[in-house]
C-alpha atoms as a PDB file:
ATOM      1  CA  MET A   1      -0.226   0.045   0.390  1.00  0.00           C
ATOM      2  CA  GLY A   2       1.506   3.176  -0.852  1.00  0.00           C
ATOM      3  CA  PHE A   3       1.667   6.668   0.873  1.00  0.00           C
ATOM      4  CA  HIS A   4      -1.147   9.054   1.277  1.00  0.00           C
ATOM      5  CA  GLN A   5      -0.004  12.723   1.957  1.00  0.00           C
ATOM      6  CA  LEU A   6      -2.494  14.873   4.246  1.00  0.00           C
ATOM      7  CA  ILE A   7      -0.877  18.207   5.208  1.00  0.00           C
ATOM      8  CA  PRO A   8      -4.017  19.932   7.391  1.00  0.00           C
ATOM      9  CA  ILE A   9      -2.355  23.361   9.093  1.00  0.00           C
ATOM     10  CA  GLY A  10      -4.602  25.680  11.211  1.00  0.00           C
ATOM     11  CA  ILE A  11      -4.886  27.360  14.274  1.00  0.00           C
ATOM     12  CA  CYS A  12      -5.285  26.024  17.921  1.00  0.00           C
ATOM     13  CA  VAL A  13      -6.105  28.068  21.124  1.00  0.00           C
ATOM     14  CA  VAL A  14      -4.523  25.670  23.247  1.00  0.00           C
ATOM     15  CA  PRO A  15      -1.690  23.704  21.899  1.00  0.00           C
ATOM     16  CA  ILE A  16      -2.876  20.119  22.527  1.00  0.00           C
ATOM     17  CA  PHE A  17       1.214  18.554  21.957  1.00  0.00           C
ATOM     18  CA  PHE A  18       2.295  20.479  25.436  1.00  0.00           C
ATOM     19  CA  PRO A  19       1.237  19.866  29.394  1.00  0.00           C
ATOM     20  CA  ALA A  20      -1.007  22.739  30.302  1.00  0.00           C
ATOM     21  CA  GLU A  21       2.029  24.188  32.952  1.00  0.00           C
ATOM     22  CA  ASP A  22       3.592  24.954  29.045  1.00  0.00           C
ATOM     23  CA  VAL A  23       0.652  26.495  28.139  1.00  0.00           C
ATOM     24  CA  PHE A  24      -0.990  28.732  30.435  1.00  0.00           C
ATOM     25  CA  GLY A  25       1.180  31.138  32.355  1.00  0.00           C
ATOM     26  CA  LEU A  26       2.882  34.554  32.113  1.00  0.00           C
ATOM     27  CA  LYS A  27       5.342  33.029  30.109  1.00  0.00           C
ATOM     28  CA  PRO A  28       5.272  32.944  26.102  1.00  0.00           C
ATOM     29  CA  GLY A  29       5.146  29.153  24.935  1.00  0.00           C
ATOM     30  CA  GLU A  30       5.670  27.780  21.658  1.00  0.00           C
ATOM     31  CA  GLU A  31       4.066  29.670  18.538  1.00  0.00           C
ATOM     32  CA  THR A  32       4.144  27.288  16.362  1.00  0.00           C
ATOM     33  CA  VAL A  33       3.532  23.531  16.331  1.00  0.00           C
ATOM     34  CA  GLU A  34       5.289  21.130  13.309  1.00  0.00           C
ATOM     35  CA  LEU A  35       4.787  17.655  13.729  1.00  0.00           C
ATOM     36  CA  THR A  36       5.534  15.172  11.070  1.00  0.00           C
ATOM     37  CA  GLU A  37       4.349  11.569  11.066  1.00  0.00           C
ATOM     38  CA  LYS A  38       5.228   8.910   8.654  1.00  0.00           C
ATOM     39  CA  ALA A  39       2.917   5.557   8.957  1.00  0.00           C
ATOM     40  CA  LYS A  40       0.517   4.584   6.236  1.00  0.00           C
ATOM     41  CA  ILE A  41      -0.432   8.349   6.145  1.00  0.00           C
ATOM     42  CA  GLU A  42       2.161  10.886   6.149  1.00  0.00           C
ATOM     43  CA  LEU A  43       0.883  13.292   7.846  1.00  0.00           C
ATOM     44  CA  ASP A  44       2.218  16.944   8.465  1.00  0.00           C
ATOM     45  CA  LEU A  45       0.703  19.314  10.908  1.00  0.00           C
ATOM     46  CA  VAL A  46       1.675  22.698  11.464  1.00  0.00           C
ATOM     47  CA  THR A  47      -0.703  24.833  13.931  1.00  0.00           C
ATOM     48  CA  HIS A  48       0.126  28.569  15.198  1.00  0.00           C
ATOM     49  CA  ASP A  49      -0.983  29.678  18.514  1.00  0.00           C
ATOM     50  CA  VAL A  50      -3.799  32.555  18.337  1.00  0.00           C
ATOM     51  CA  ARG A  51      -1.158  35.391  18.868  1.00  0.00           C
ATOM     52  CA  LYS A  52       1.233  34.465  16.040  1.00  0.00           C
ATOM     53  CA  PHE A  53      -1.725  33.694  14.165  1.00  0.00           C
ATOM     54  CA  PHE A  54      -3.172  37.142  14.077  1.00  0.00           C
ATOM     55  CA  LEU A  55      -0.145  39.064  13.992  1.00  0.00           C
ATOM     56  CA  LEU A  56       0.693  37.148  10.822  1.00  0.00           C
ATOM     57  CA  LEU A  57      -2.936  37.935   9.736  1.00  0.00           C
ATOM     58  CA  LEU A  58      -2.368  41.394  10.247  1.00  0.00           C
ATOM     59  CA  LYS A  59       0.962  41.430   7.889  1.00  0.00           C
ATOM     60  CA  PRO A  60      -1.038  40.536   5.048  1.00  0.00           C
ATOM     61  CA  ASN A  61       0.345  37.126   5.320  1.00  0.00           C
ATOM     62  CA  GLY A  62      -1.895  34.832   2.361  1.00  0.00           C
ATOM     63  CA  TYR A  63      -1.135  31.903   3.702  1.00  0.00           C
ATOM     64  CA  VAL A  64      -2.302  32.521   7.056  1.00  0.00           C
ATOM     65  CA  LEU A  65      -5.525  32.944   5.306  1.00  0.00           C
ATOM     66  CA  GLU A  66      -5.143  29.621   2.941  1.00  0.00           C
ATOM     67  CA  GLN A  67      -5.193  28.047   6.466  1.00  0.00           C
ATOM     68  CA  LEU A  68      -8.499  29.954   7.342  1.00  0.00           C
ATOM     69  CA  PHE A  69     -10.275  29.496   4.285  1.00  0.00           C
ATOM     70  CA  SER A  70      -9.209  25.691   3.156  1.00  0.00           C
ATOM     71  CA  PRO A  71     -12.087  23.593   2.389  1.00  0.00           C
ATOM     72  CA  ILE A  72     -10.808  20.897   4.527  1.00  0.00           C
ATOM     73  CA  VAL A  73     -11.830  21.169   7.598  1.00  0.00           C
ATOM     74  CA  VAL A  74     -11.340  18.347  10.800  1.00  0.00           C
ATOM     75  CA  ASN A  75     -13.306  20.486  13.183  1.00  0.00           C
ATOM     76  CA  THR A  76     -15.135  23.596  13.428  1.00  0.00           C
ATOM     77  CA  THR A  77     -16.958  26.182  15.381  1.00  0.00           C
ATOM     78  CA  PRO A  78     -19.135  28.964  15.323  1.00  0.00           C
ATOM     79  CA  GLU A  79     -15.873  31.123  15.720  1.00  0.00           C
ATOM     80  CA  HIS A  80     -14.439  29.708  12.817  1.00  0.00           C
ATOM     81  CA  GLU A  81     -16.792  31.388  10.759  1.00  0.00           C
ATOM     82  CA  GLU A  82     -16.531  34.956  12.912  1.00  0.00           C
ATOM     83  CA  LEU A  83     -12.897  34.602  12.306  1.00  0.00           C
ATOM     84  CA  LYS A  84     -13.441  34.518   8.893  1.00  0.00           C
ATOM     85  CA  ARG A  85     -15.326  37.090   8.372  1.00  0.00           C
ATOM     86  CA  ILE A  86     -12.821  39.156  10.569  1.00  0.00           C
ATOM     87  CA  ALA A  87     -10.140  37.781   7.963  1.00  0.00           C
ATOM     88  CA  HIS A  88     -12.137  38.663   5.410  1.00  0.00           C
ATOM     89  CA  ARG A  89     -11.514  42.441   6.377  1.00  0.00           C
ATOM     90  CA  CYS A  90      -7.477  42.374   6.400  1.00  0.00           C
ATOM     91  CA  ILE A  91      -7.441  41.327   3.128  1.00  0.00           C
ATOM     92  CA  THR A  92      -5.723  44.221   0.724  1.00  0.00           C
ATOM     93  CA  ARG A  93      -3.740  44.921  -2.148  1.00  0.00           C
ATOM     94  CA  PHE A  94      -0.608  44.047  -0.250  1.00  0.00           C
ATOM     95  CA  HIS A  95      -1.143  40.750   0.174  1.00  0.00           C
ATOM     96  CA  VAL A  96       0.361  40.998  -3.797  1.00  0.00           C
ATOM     97  CA  HIS A  97       3.738  40.979  -2.033  1.00  0.00           C
ATOM     98  CA  HIS A  98       3.350  37.715  -0.208  1.00  0.00           C
ATOM     99  CA  TYR A  99       2.615  35.524  -3.471  1.00  0.00           C
ATOM    100  CA  LEU A 100       4.938  37.568  -5.801  1.00  0.00           C
ATOM    101  CA  GLY A 101       7.889  36.706  -3.066  1.00  0.00           C
ATOM    102  CA  PHE A 102       6.674  33.239  -1.819  1.00  0.00           C
ATOM    103  CA  ALA A 103       6.587  32.620  -5.804  1.00  0.00           C
ATOM    104  CA  ALA A 104      10.132  34.132  -6.714  1.00  0.00           C
ATOM    105  CA  ASN A 105      11.555  32.061  -3.789  1.00  0.00           C
ATOM    106  CA  GLN A 106       9.752  29.251  -4.934  1.00  0.00           C
ATOM    107  CA  TRP A 107      11.195  29.797  -8.563  1.00  0.00           C
ATOM    108  CA  LYS A 108      14.949  29.913  -7.133  1.00  0.00           C
ATOM    109  CA  LEU A 109      14.546  26.791  -5.614  1.00  0.00           C
ATOM    110  CA  PHE A 110      12.896  24.861  -8.498  1.00  0.00           C
ATOM    111  CA  GLU A 111      15.979  26.351 -10.983  1.00  0.00           C
ATOM    112  CA  LYS A 112      18.589  25.417  -8.439  1.00  0.00           C
ATOM    113  CA  GLU A 113      16.797  21.552  -8.748  1.00  0.00           C
ATOM    114  CA  ARG A 114      18.802  18.811 -11.090  1.00  0.00           C
ATOM    115  CA  PRO A 115      16.853  16.698 -12.722  1.00  0.00           C
ATOM    116  CA  ARG A 116      13.978  19.775 -12.416  1.00  0.00           C
ATOM    117  CA  ARG A 117      10.791  18.099 -11.394  1.00  0.00           C
ATOM    118  CA  VAL A 118       7.255  19.638 -12.266  1.00  0.00           C
ATOM    119  CA  LYS A 119       5.927  19.107  -9.272  1.00  0.00           C
ATOM    120  CA  PRO A 120       7.606  21.939  -7.951  1.00  0.00           C
ATOM    121  CA  LEU A 121       6.902  23.955 -10.908  1.00  0.00           C
ATOM    122  CA  LEU A 122       3.601  23.292 -10.465  1.00  0.00           C
ATOM    123  CA  TYR A 123       3.630  24.435  -6.636  1.00  0.00           C
ATOM    124  CA  VAL A 124       5.075  27.982  -8.547  1.00  0.00           C
ATOM    125  CA  PHE A 125       2.085  28.211 -10.719  1.00  0.00           C
ATOM    126  CA  ARG A 126      -0.420  27.831  -8.122  1.00  0.00           C
ATOM    127  CA  VAL A 127       0.803  30.203  -5.535  1.00  0.00           C
ATOM    128  CA  LEU A 128       1.127  32.764  -8.796  1.00  0.00           C
ATOM    129  CA  LEU A 129      -2.514  31.711  -9.457  1.00  0.00           C
ATOM    130  CA  THR A 130      -4.255  31.962  -5.876  1.00  0.00           C
ATOM    131  CA  GLY A 131      -2.666  35.241  -5.766  1.00  0.00           C
ATOM    132  CA  ILE A 132      -4.050  36.381  -8.859  1.00  0.00           C
ATOM    133  CA  HIS A 133      -7.594  35.340  -8.217  1.00  0.00           C
ATOM    134  CA  LEU A 134      -7.241  36.794  -4.546  1.00  0.00           C
ATOM    135  CA  MET A 135      -6.046  40.151  -6.277  1.00  0.00           C
ATOM    136  CA  GLN A 136      -8.454  40.533  -9.002  1.00  0.00           C
ATOM    137  CA  SER A 137     -11.625  38.953  -6.278  1.00  0.00           C
ATOM    138  CA  GLY A 138     -11.282  39.569  -2.783  1.00  0.00           C
ATOM    139  CA  GLU A 139     -11.684  36.091  -2.680  1.00  0.00           C
ATOM    140  CA  VAL A 140      -9.308  33.463  -0.987  1.00  0.00           C
ATOM    141  CA  GLU A 141      -9.034  30.453  -2.851  1.00  0.00           C
ATOM    142  CA  SER A 142      -7.907  27.552  -0.948  1.00  0.00           C
ATOM    143  CA  GLN A 143      -6.547  24.668  -2.402  1.00  0.00           C
ATOM    144  CA  PRO A 144      -5.823  20.896  -0.422  1.00  0.00           C
END
């Protein structure tokens, strides 16, 4: 049986991977949690605490918009819908810099690769098309 890949990306209010004493208190805890598991399913999990998520959202960061508007939702709450409404009001023309910069970095990585593969090139196109769609429509089209 081959590997399947899941890449859930999300926001967590309380990181479930840490003991309560590491989460609650006056000391800042981990802002980003990354977990990779390889078994029958390859799983890459990335979550951010609320503070970091909002700081990224306020920077014009397309990455967090795509997390928030992802069509793949494991669990949701009414607050998720409210957060999406808030995020929609954070979309500005400055998001273009995120997508152009990210595409430029991915293109540099693609140019260095030998032999070149199609997947990284498709990733560059995905980033550019997502940014173009956002700039033209004001809507986030997040691809799983």
